[in-house]
Amino acid sequence: MEWWVTLLVGAVPAIFASLVTWRVANQSHKTAESQTRVNEFDGIITGLKVLTERLQERVAELDDRVTELEDKRRTDALTMRGMGDHIDRLERHIWASKGPPPPPRPPGL
């Protein structure tokens, strides 16, 4: 046999084995790298879910607080309106030169 045939017969399987080994190693490295990225993204997603839940709870708390403050503001506005109306009645009583007793205070004031 020719020397180059012997070289070819020996070199082709060695080259093929080297390529297969390199491919498997490269694929394993990519798979491990991909898995690392997936794990990182899972951690980020978990953190975002926790943050979203906290924000939803906080928004619900703030919404309840705003509703409570609006109700109190409405009550205060009605009280102030009642006070203004009573002052108007007192002024009319004074301008009409009526004596004591003044008009009674409305309930709730």
Protein backbone atom coordinates (compact mmCIF):
# COMPACT_ATOMS: atom_id res chain seq x y z
CA MET A 1 0.00 0.00 0.00
CA GLU A 2 1.02 3.51 -0.65
CA TRP A 3 2.11 5.62 2.30
CA TRP A 4 -0.53 8.25 1.66
CA VAL A 5 -3.31 5.65 1.76
CA THR A 6 -2.08 4.48 5.14
CA LEU A 7 -1.92 8.08 6.30
CA LEU A 8 -5.41 8.75 4.95
CA VAL A 9 -6.88 5.62 6.54
CA GLY A 10 -5.38 6.59 9.89
CA ALA A 11 -6.01 10.33 9.68
CA VAL A 12 -9.65 10.36 8.51
CA PRO A 13 -11.06 8.52 11.57
CA ALA A 14 -8.84 10.60 13.86
CA ILE A 15 -10.03 13.83 12.26
CA PHE A 16 -13.65 12.65 12.37
CA ALA A 17 -13.32 11.66 16.05
CA SER A 18 -11.76 15.04 16.83
CA LEU A 19 -14.60 16.87 15.07
CA VAL A 20 -17.24 14.83 16.87
CA THR A 21 -15.53 15.42 20.23
CA TRP A 22 -15.26 19.15 19.54
CA ARG A 23 -18.91 19.32 18.46
CA VAL A 24 -20.14 17.47 21.55
CA ALA A 25 -17.99 19.60 23.86
CA ASN A 26 -19.11 22.79 22.14
CA GLN A 27 -22.75 21.72 22.32
CA SER A 28 -22.39 20.81 26.00
CA HIS A 29 -20.84 24.21 26.68
CA LYS A 30 -23.68 25.95 24.84
CA THR A 31 -26.24 23.85 26.68
CA ALA A 32 -24.68 24.68 30.04
CA GLU A 33 -24.49 28.35 29.09
CA SER A 34 -28.10 28.29 27.94
CA GLN A 35 -29.16 26.60 31.17
CA THR A 36 -27.31 29.24 33.17
CA ARG A 37 -29.15 31.96 31.29
CA VAL A 38 -32.48 30.19 31.79
CA ASN A 39 -31.76 29.98 35.53
CA GLU A 40 -30.86 33.68 35.62
CA PHE A 41 -34.07 34.58 33.78
CA ASP A 42 -36.11 32.36 36.11
CA GLY A 43 -34.64 34.25 39.05
CA ILE A 44 -35.45 37.59 37.44
CA ILE A 45 -39.00 36.48 36.62
CA THR A 46 -39.52 35.25 40.19
CA GLY A 47 -38.27 38.58 41.52
CA LEU A 48 -40.59 40.47 39.18
CA LYS A 49 -43.55 38.35 40.28
CA VAL A 50 -42.82 39.11 43.94
CA LEU A 51 -42.42 42.81 43.13
CA THR A 52 -45.68 42.81 41.16
CA GLU A 53 -47.55 41.18 44.06
CA ARG A 54 -46.15 43.76 46.50
CA LEU A 55 -47.11 46.60 44.18
CA GLN A 56 -50.62 45.23 43.75
CA GLU A 57 -51.02 44.99 47.53
CA ARG A 58 -49.70 48.54 47.95
CA VAL A 59 -52.01 49.89 45.26
CA ALA A 60 -54.97 48.18 46.95
CA GLU A 61 -53.97 49.72 50.30
CA LEU A 62 -53.61 53.16 48.74
CA ASP A 63 -56.93 52.80 46.94
CA ASP A 64 -58.65 52.00 50.25
CA ARG A 65 -56.93 54.95 51.87
CA VAL A 66 -57.98 57.33 49.08
CA THR A 67 -61.58 56.11 49.34
CA GLU A 68 -61.50 56.67 53.10
CA LEU A 69 -60.06 60.18 52.70
CA GLU A 70 -62.62 61.07 50.04
CA ASP A 71 -65.41 59.98 52.38
CA LYS A 72 -63.93 62.06 55.22
CA ARG A 73 -63.55 65.04 52.88
CA ARG A 74 -67.18 64.74 51.84
CA THR A 75 -68.24 64.63 55.50
CA ASP A 76 -66.05 67.67 56.29
CA ALA A 77 -67.50 69.55 53.32
CA LEU A 78 -71.04 68.89 54.52
CA THR A 79 -70.10 70.01 58.06
CA MET A 80 -68.51 73.20 56.73
CA ARG A 81 -71.57 73.87 54.57
CA GLY A 82 -73.80 73.41 57.62
CA MET A 83 -71.59 75.80 59.61
CA GLY A 84 -71.80 78.40 56.83
CA ASP A 85 -75.57 78.06 56.69
CA HIS A 86 -75.79 78.50 60.48
CA ILE A 87 -73.60 81.62 60.31
CA ASP A 88 -75.92 83.00 57.63
CA ARG A 89 -78.93 82.37 59.93
CA LEU A 90 -77.15 84.09 62.83
CA GLU A 91 -76.32 87.11 60.64
CA ARG A 92 -79.94 87.36 59.47
CA HIS A 93 -81.04 87.17 63.12
CA ILE A 94 -78.66 90.02 64.05
CA TRP A 95 -79.59 92.17 61.05
CA ALA A 96 -83.25 91.71 61.82
CA SER A 97 -82.44 93.17 65.27
CA LYS A 98 -83.86 90.15 67.00
CA GLY A 99 -82.78 89.62 70.58
CA PRO A 100 -81.60 86.52 72.34
CA PRO A 101 -81.77 83.61 72.11
CA PRO A 102 -80.07 83.05 68.77
CA PRO A 103 -81.33 80.39 66.37
CA PRO A 104 -80.44 76.91 67.59
CA ARG A 105 -77.34 75.18 66.30
CA PRO A 106 -78.15 72.49 63.74
CA PRO A 107 -77.57 68.90 64.88
CA GLY A 108 -74.13 67.54 64.08
CA LEU A 109 -72.30 70.87 64.30
